[in-house]
Amino acid sequence: MLLAAYPERGSAYRIGALVLFAAAAVILTALAFEHFGGYVPCPLCLQQRYAYYAGVPALFFALVLLSAGHTRTAAAVFLAVALIFLANAVLGAYHTGVEWKFWPGPDTCAGTAAPLSTSAGGLFKDLATTRVIRCDEAPWHFLGLSFAGWNVIASLLLAAGATFSAIKARHG
């Protein structure tokens, strides 16, 4: 394993690198499901990606800080990433509740708001080509969990790893 090749790296760096790799793998998997699998994300799905878009570069930055010996600053960045992923887990849990019909989703999740054509031919074309993406209907399940449910688990694990890295960076 690549990380084992650098025994001088501390546990904060090793765990932080693992969290970075895992976060990148999660967002790349989501993008693969979208672009290669044909699963179009709903508005809440897209919002859950923001944590990864912010977290991945922040984790890389924290690792650079650790390598440069700026352990306190790196710990602060790891902690910020942990909070980002913790908030993302809450958003994922909210989305999961919407899918399970525990509560209604936001108005933006009701489907497309694009105006339809007024002519009969245009209307039929619009109906054939318009795909409504709803937040309250999970398009995929694995082991009983939807994308949003798996995001809760991933985000909690990433938050835990980033927290561990922050503690190790701060206290050695």
C-alpha atoms as a PDB file:
ATOM      1  CA  MET A   1       0.000   0.000   0.000  1.00  0.00           C
ATOM      2  CA  LEU A   2       1.280   3.445  -0.859  1.00  0.00           C
ATOM      3  CA  LEU A   3       0.726   4.900   2.611  1.00  0.00           C
ATOM      4  CA  ALA A   4       2.644   2.023   4.199  1.00  0.00           C
ATOM      5  CA  ALA A   5       5.652   3.005   2.091  1.00  0.00           C
ATOM      6  CA  TYR A   6       6.011   6.194   4.160  1.00  0.00           C
ATOM      7  CA  PRO A   7       6.409   5.071   7.779  1.00  0.00           C
ATOM      8  CA  GLU A   8       7.615   8.560   8.769  1.00  0.00           C
ATOM      9  CA  ARG A   9       4.138   9.938   8.043  1.00  0.00           C
ATOM     10  CA  GLY A  10       2.086  10.252  11.181  1.00  0.00           C
ATOM     11  CA  SER A  11      -1.322   8.750  11.750  1.00  0.00           C
ATOM     12  CA  ALA A  12      -2.957  12.138  11.104  1.00  0.00           C
ATOM     13  CA  TYR A  13      -1.496  12.149   7.604  1.00  0.00           C
ATOM     14  CA  ARG A  14      -2.282   8.497   6.900  1.00  0.00           C
ATOM     15  CA  ILE A  15      -5.900   8.749   8.063  1.00  0.00           C
ATOM     16  CA  GLY A  16      -6.304  12.119   6.335  1.00  0.00           C
ATOM     17  CA  ALA A  17      -5.047  10.615   3.082  1.00  0.00           C
ATOM     18  CA  LEU A  18      -7.464   7.718   3.484  1.00  0.00           C
ATOM     19  CA  VAL A  19     -10.336  10.165   4.070  1.00  0.00           C
ATOM     20  CA  LEU A  20      -9.270  12.132   0.982  1.00  0.00           C
ATOM     21  CA  PHE A  21      -9.189   8.966  -1.126  1.00  0.00           C
ATOM     22  CA  ALA A  22     -12.578   7.813   0.218  1.00  0.00           C
ATOM     23  CA  ALA A  23     -14.219  11.213  -0.361  1.00  0.00           C
ATOM     24  CA  ALA A  24     -12.876  11.328  -3.918  1.00  0.00           C
ATOM     25  CA  ALA A  25     -14.108   7.768  -4.510  1.00  0.00           C
ATOM     26  CA  VAL A  26     -17.606   8.643  -3.261  1.00  0.00           C
ATOM     27  CA  ILE A  27     -18.042  11.698  -5.487  1.00  0.00           C
ATOM     28  CA  LEU A  28     -16.525   9.909  -8.492  1.00  0.00           C
ATOM     29  CA  THR A  29     -18.945   7.032  -7.918  1.00  0.00           C
ATOM     30  CA  ALA A  30     -21.882   9.459  -7.803  1.00  0.00           C
ATOM     31  CA  LEU A  31     -20.721  11.087 -11.019  1.00  0.00           C
ATOM     32  CA  ALA A  32     -20.286   7.662 -12.655  1.00  0.00           C
ATOM     33  CA  PHE A  33     -23.830   6.667 -11.684  1.00  0.00           C
ATOM     34  CA  GLU A  34     -25.015   9.890 -13.302  1.00  0.00           C
ATOM     35  CA  HIS A  35     -22.929   9.962 -16.461  1.00  0.00           C
ATOM     36  CA  PHE A  36     -22.519   6.253 -17.183  1.00  0.00           C
ATOM     37  CA  GLY A  37     -25.457   4.735 -15.320  1.00  0.00           C
ATOM     38  CA  GLY A  38     -28.049   7.275 -16.417  1.00  0.00           C
ATOM     39  CA  TYR A  39     -29.217   8.180 -12.911  1.00  0.00           C
ATOM     40  CA  VAL A  40     -30.133  11.865 -13.074  1.00  0.00           C
ATOM     41  CA  PRO A  41     -29.702  13.538  -9.670  1.00  0.00           C
ATOM     42  CA  CYS A  42     -32.510  15.487  -8.052  1.00  0.00           C
ATOM     43  CA  PRO A  43     -31.900  18.941  -6.517  1.00  0.00           C
ATOM     44  CA  LEU A  44     -31.216  17.471  -3.051  1.00  0.00           C
ATOM     45  CA  CYS A  45     -28.746  14.992  -4.545  1.00  0.00           C
ATOM     46  CA  LEU A  46     -26.891  17.850  -6.189  1.00  0.00           C
ATOM     47  CA  GLN A  47     -26.784  19.777  -2.904  1.00  0.00           C
ATOM     48  CA  GLN A  48     -25.248  16.770  -1.154  1.00  0.00           C
ATOM     49  CA  ARG A  49     -22.356  16.860  -3.611  1.00  0.00           C
ATOM     50  CA  TYR A  50     -21.238  20.293  -2.415  1.00  0.00           C
ATOM     51  CA  ALA A  51     -19.602  18.745   0.663  1.00  0.00           C
ATOM     52  CA  TYR A  52     -17.410  16.634  -1.579  1.00  0.00           C
ATOM     53  CA  TYR A  53     -16.595  19.511  -3.915  1.00  0.00           C
ATOM     54  CA  ALA A  54     -15.406  21.513  -0.891  1.00  0.00           C
ATOM     55  CA  GLY A  55     -14.070  18.633   1.190  1.00  0.00           C
ATOM     56  CA  VAL A  56     -11.761  16.973  -1.325  1.00  0.00           C
ATOM     57  CA  PRO A  57      -9.593  20.049  -2.012  1.00  0.00           C
ATOM     58  CA  ALA A  58      -9.694  21.019   1.672  1.00  0.00           C
ATOM     59  CA  LEU A  59      -8.439  17.561   2.655  1.00  0.00           C
ATOM     60  CA  PHE A  60      -5.632  17.840   0.116  1.00  0.00           C
ATOM     61  CA  PHE A  61      -4.750  21.258   1.550  1.00  0.00           C
ATOM     62  CA  ALA A  62      -4.720  19.833   5.082  1.00  0.00           C
ATOM     63  CA  LEU A  63      -2.300  17.115   3.982  1.00  0.00           C
ATOM     64  CA  VAL A  64      -0.025  19.728   2.406  1.00  0.00           C
ATOM     65  CA  LEU A  65      -0.145  21.698   5.662  1.00  0.00           C
ATOM     66  CA  LEU A  66       0.773  18.583   7.638  1.00  0.00           C
ATOM     67  CA  SER A  67       3.694  17.875   5.316  1.00  0.00           C
ATOM     68  CA  ALA A  68       4.903  21.450   5.820  1.00  0.00           C
ATOM     69  CA  GLY A  69       4.731  21.071   9.601  1.00  0.00           C
ATOM     70  CA  HIS A  70       1.726  23.359  10.138  1.00  0.00           C
ATOM     71  CA  THR A  71      -0.076  20.885  12.367  1.00  0.00           C
ATOM     72  CA  ARG A  72      -2.418  23.323  14.121  1.00  0.00           C
ATOM     73  CA  THR A  73      -3.669  24.820  10.871  1.00  0.00           C
ATOM     74  CA  ALA A  74      -4.025  21.341   9.372  1.00  0.00           C
ATOM     75  CA  ALA A  75      -6.031  20.269  12.413  1.00  0.00           C
ATOM     76  CA  ALA A  76      -8.352  23.248  11.931  1.00  0.00           C
ATOM     77  CA  VAL A  77      -8.877  22.354   8.263  1.00  0.00           C
ATOM     78  CA  PHE A  78      -9.554  18.702   9.155  1.00  0.00           C
ATOM     79  CA  LEU A  79     -12.071  19.868  11.756  1.00  0.00           C
ATOM     80  CA  ALA A  80     -13.785  22.138   9.216  1.00  0.00           C
ATOM     81  CA  VAL A  81     -14.017  19.200   6.798  1.00  0.00           C
ATOM     82  CA  ALA A  82     -15.490  17.047   9.565  1.00  0.00           C
ATOM     83  CA  LEU A  83     -18.173  19.677  10.171  1.00  0.00           C
ATOM     84  CA  ILE A  84     -18.893  19.897   6.436  1.00  0.00           C
ATOM     85  CA  PHE A  85     -19.440  16.151   6.211  1.00  0.00           C
ATOM     86  CA  LEU A  86     -21.463  16.100   9.424  1.00  0.00           C
ATOM     87  CA  ALA A  87     -23.772  18.751   7.941  1.00  0.00           C
ATOM     88  CA  ASN A  88     -23.909  16.692   4.741  1.00  0.00           C
ATOM     89  CA  ALA A  89     -25.004  13.646   6.745  1.00  0.00           C
ATOM     90  CA  VAL A  90     -27.863  15.714   8.166  1.00  0.00           C
ATOM     91  CA  LEU A  91     -28.853  16.808   4.653  1.00  0.00           C
ATOM     92  CA  GLY A  92     -28.685  13.188   3.488  1.00  0.00           C
ATOM     93  CA  ALA A  93     -30.863  12.086   6.411  1.00  0.00           C
ATOM     94  CA  TYR A  94     -33.372  14.803   5.513  1.00  0.00           C
ATOM     95  CA  HIS A  95     -33.370  13.594   1.897  1.00  0.00           C
ATOM     96  CA  THR A  96     -33.828  10.001   3.040  1.00  0.00           C
ATOM     97  CA  GLY A  97     -36.816  11.083   5.127  1.00  0.00           C
ATOM     98  CA  VAL A  98     -38.273  12.792   2.051  1.00  0.00           C
ATOM     99  CA  GLU A  99     -37.838   9.545   0.092  1.00  0.00           C
ATOM    100  CA  TRP A 100     -39.548   7.560   2.848  1.00  0.00           C
ATOM    101  CA  LYS A 101     -42.367  10.146   2.891  1.00  0.00           C
ATOM    102  CA  PHE A 102     -41.709  11.093   6.530  1.00  0.00           C
ATOM    103  CA  TRP A 103     -41.938  14.763   5.513  1.00  0.00           C
ATOM    104  CA  PRO A 104     -42.332  16.729   2.293  1.00  0.00           C
ATOM    105  CA  GLY A 105     -39.323  17.831   0.313  1.00  0.00           C
ATOM    106  CA  PRO A 106     -38.635  21.369  -0.824  1.00  0.00           C
ATOM    107  CA  ASP A 107     -40.644  22.834  -3.701  1.00  0.00           C
ATOM    108  CA  THR A 108     -37.610  22.498  -5.989  1.00  0.00           C
ATOM    109  CA  CYS A 109     -37.995  18.718  -5.767  1.00  0.00           C
ATOM    110  CA  ALA A 110     -41.451  18.544  -7.318  1.00  0.00           C
ATOM    111  CA  GLY A 111     -40.094  18.180 -10.839  1.00  0.00           C
ATOM    112  CA  THR A 112     -39.138  20.429 -13.689  1.00  0.00           C
ATOM    113  CA  ALA A 113     -40.471  23.952 -13.879  1.00  0.00           C
ATOM    114  CA  ALA A 114     -39.691  24.427 -17.577  1.00  0.00           C
ATOM    115  CA  PRO A 115     -42.632  25.770 -19.573  1.00  0.00           C
ATOM    116  CA  LEU A 116     -44.239  23.354 -21.993  1.00  0.00           C
ATOM    117  CA  SER A 117     -45.047  24.141 -25.637  1.00  0.00           C
ATOM    118  CA  THR A 118     -48.465  25.484 -26.538  1.00  0.00           C
ATOM    119  CA  SER A 119     -48.836  23.580 -29.810  1.00  0.00           C
ATOM    120  CA  ALA A 120     -50.065  19.976 -29.792  1.00  0.00           C
ATOM    121  CA  GLY A 121     -46.987  18.674 -31.633  1.00  0.00           C
ATOM    122  CA  GLY A 122     -44.640  20.604 -29.372  1.00  0.00           C
ATOM    123  CA  LEU A 123     -46.505  19.415 -26.277  1.00  0.00           C
ATOM    124  CA  PHE A 124     -46.149  15.753 -27.269  1.00  0.00           C
ATOM    125  CA  LYS A 125     -42.450  16.305 -27.980  1.00  0.00           C
ATOM    126  CA  ASP A 126     -42.011  18.014 -24.586  1.00  0.00           C
ATOM    127  CA  LEU A 127     -43.815  15.148 -22.814  1.00  0.00           C
ATOM    128  CA  ALA A 128     -41.623  12.597 -24.567  1.00  0.00           C
ATOM    129  CA  THR A 129     -38.341  14.361 -23.800  1.00  0.00           C
ATOM    130  CA  THR A 130     -38.992  15.908 -20.380  1.00  0.00           C
ATOM    131  CA  ARG A 131     -37.759  13.819 -17.486  1.00  0.00           C
ATOM    132  CA  VAL A 132     -39.116  14.763 -14.079  1.00  0.00           C
ATOM    133  CA  ILE A 133     -36.600  14.153 -11.301  1.00  0.00           C
ATOM    134  CA  ARG A 134     -38.295  14.012  -7.937  1.00  0.00           C
ATOM    135  CA  CYS A 135     -36.560  14.012  -4.568  1.00  0.00           C
ATOM    136  CA  ASP A 136     -39.188  11.801  -2.965  1.00  0.00           C
ATOM    137  CA  GLU A 137     -38.688   8.836  -5.293  1.00  0.00           C
ATOM    138  CA  ALA A 138     -35.399   6.979  -4.916  1.00  0.00           C
ATOM    139  CA  PRO A 139     -34.349   5.582  -8.306  1.00  0.00           C
ATOM    140  CA  TRP A 140     -31.994   2.983  -6.812  1.00  0.00           C
ATOM    141  CA  HIS A 141     -31.591   0.923  -3.644  1.00  0.00           C
ATOM    142  CA  PHE A 142     -28.828  -1.338  -2.420  1.00  0.00           C
ATOM    143  CA  LEU A 143     -29.251  -3.278   0.830  1.00  0.00           C
ATOM    144  CA  GLY A 144     -32.358  -1.193   1.513  1.00  0.00           C
ATOM    145  CA  LEU A 145     -30.621   2.177   1.229  1.00  0.00           C
ATOM    146  CA  SER A 146     -30.899   4.762  -1.525  1.00  0.00           C
ATOM    147  CA  PHE A 147     -28.143   7.048  -2.764  1.00  0.00           C
ATOM    148  CA  ALA A 148     -29.113   9.503  -0.011  1.00  0.00           C
ATOM    149  CA  GLY A 149     -28.993   6.785   2.647  1.00  0.00           C
ATOM    150  CA  TRP A 150     -25.561   5.647   1.541  1.00  0.00           C
ATOM    151  CA  ASN A 151     -24.434   9.270   1.527  1.00  0.00           C
ATOM    152  CA  VAL A 152     -25.405   9.524   5.211  1.00  0.00           C
ATOM    153  CA  ILE A 153     -23.167   6.569   6.035  1.00  0.00           C
ATOM    154  CA  ALA A 154     -20.302   7.828   3.861  1.00  0.00           C
ATOM    155  CA  SER A 155     -20.529  11.352   5.264  1.00  0.00           C
ATOM    156  CA  LEU A 156     -20.538  10.120   8.870  1.00  0.00           C
ATOM    157  CA  LEU A 157     -17.498   7.929   8.225  1.00  0.00           C
ATOM    158  CA  LEU A 158     -15.687  10.777   6.470  1.00  0.00           C
ATOM    159  CA  ALA A 159     -16.556  13.149   9.328  1.00  0.00           C
ATOM    160  CA  ALA A 160     -15.214  10.621  11.832  1.00  0.00           C
ATOM    161  CA  GLY A 161     -11.994  10.158   9.864  1.00  0.00           C
ATOM    162  CA  ALA A 162     -11.462  13.899   9.480  1.00  0.00           C
ATOM    163  CA  THR A 163     -12.117  14.373  13.214  1.00  0.00           C
ATOM    164  CA  PHE A 164      -9.585  11.671  14.050  1.00  0.00           C
ATOM    165  CA  SER A 165      -7.048  13.336  11.749  1.00  0.00           C
ATOM    166  CA  ALA A 166      -7.708  16.698  13.420  1.00  0.00           C
ATOM    167  CA  ILE A 167      -7.144  15.217  16.880  1.00  0.00           C
ATOM    168  CA  LYS A 168      -3.984  13.409  15.817  1.00  0.00           C
ATOM    169  CA  ALA A 169      -2.624  16.479  14.019  1.00  0.00           C
ATOM    170  CA  ARG A 170      -3.241  18.675  17.045  1.00  0.00           C
ATOM    171  CA  HIS A 171      -1.925  16.291  19.692  1.00  0.00           C
ATOM    172  CA  GLY A 172       0.531  14.232  17.703  1.00  0.00           C
END
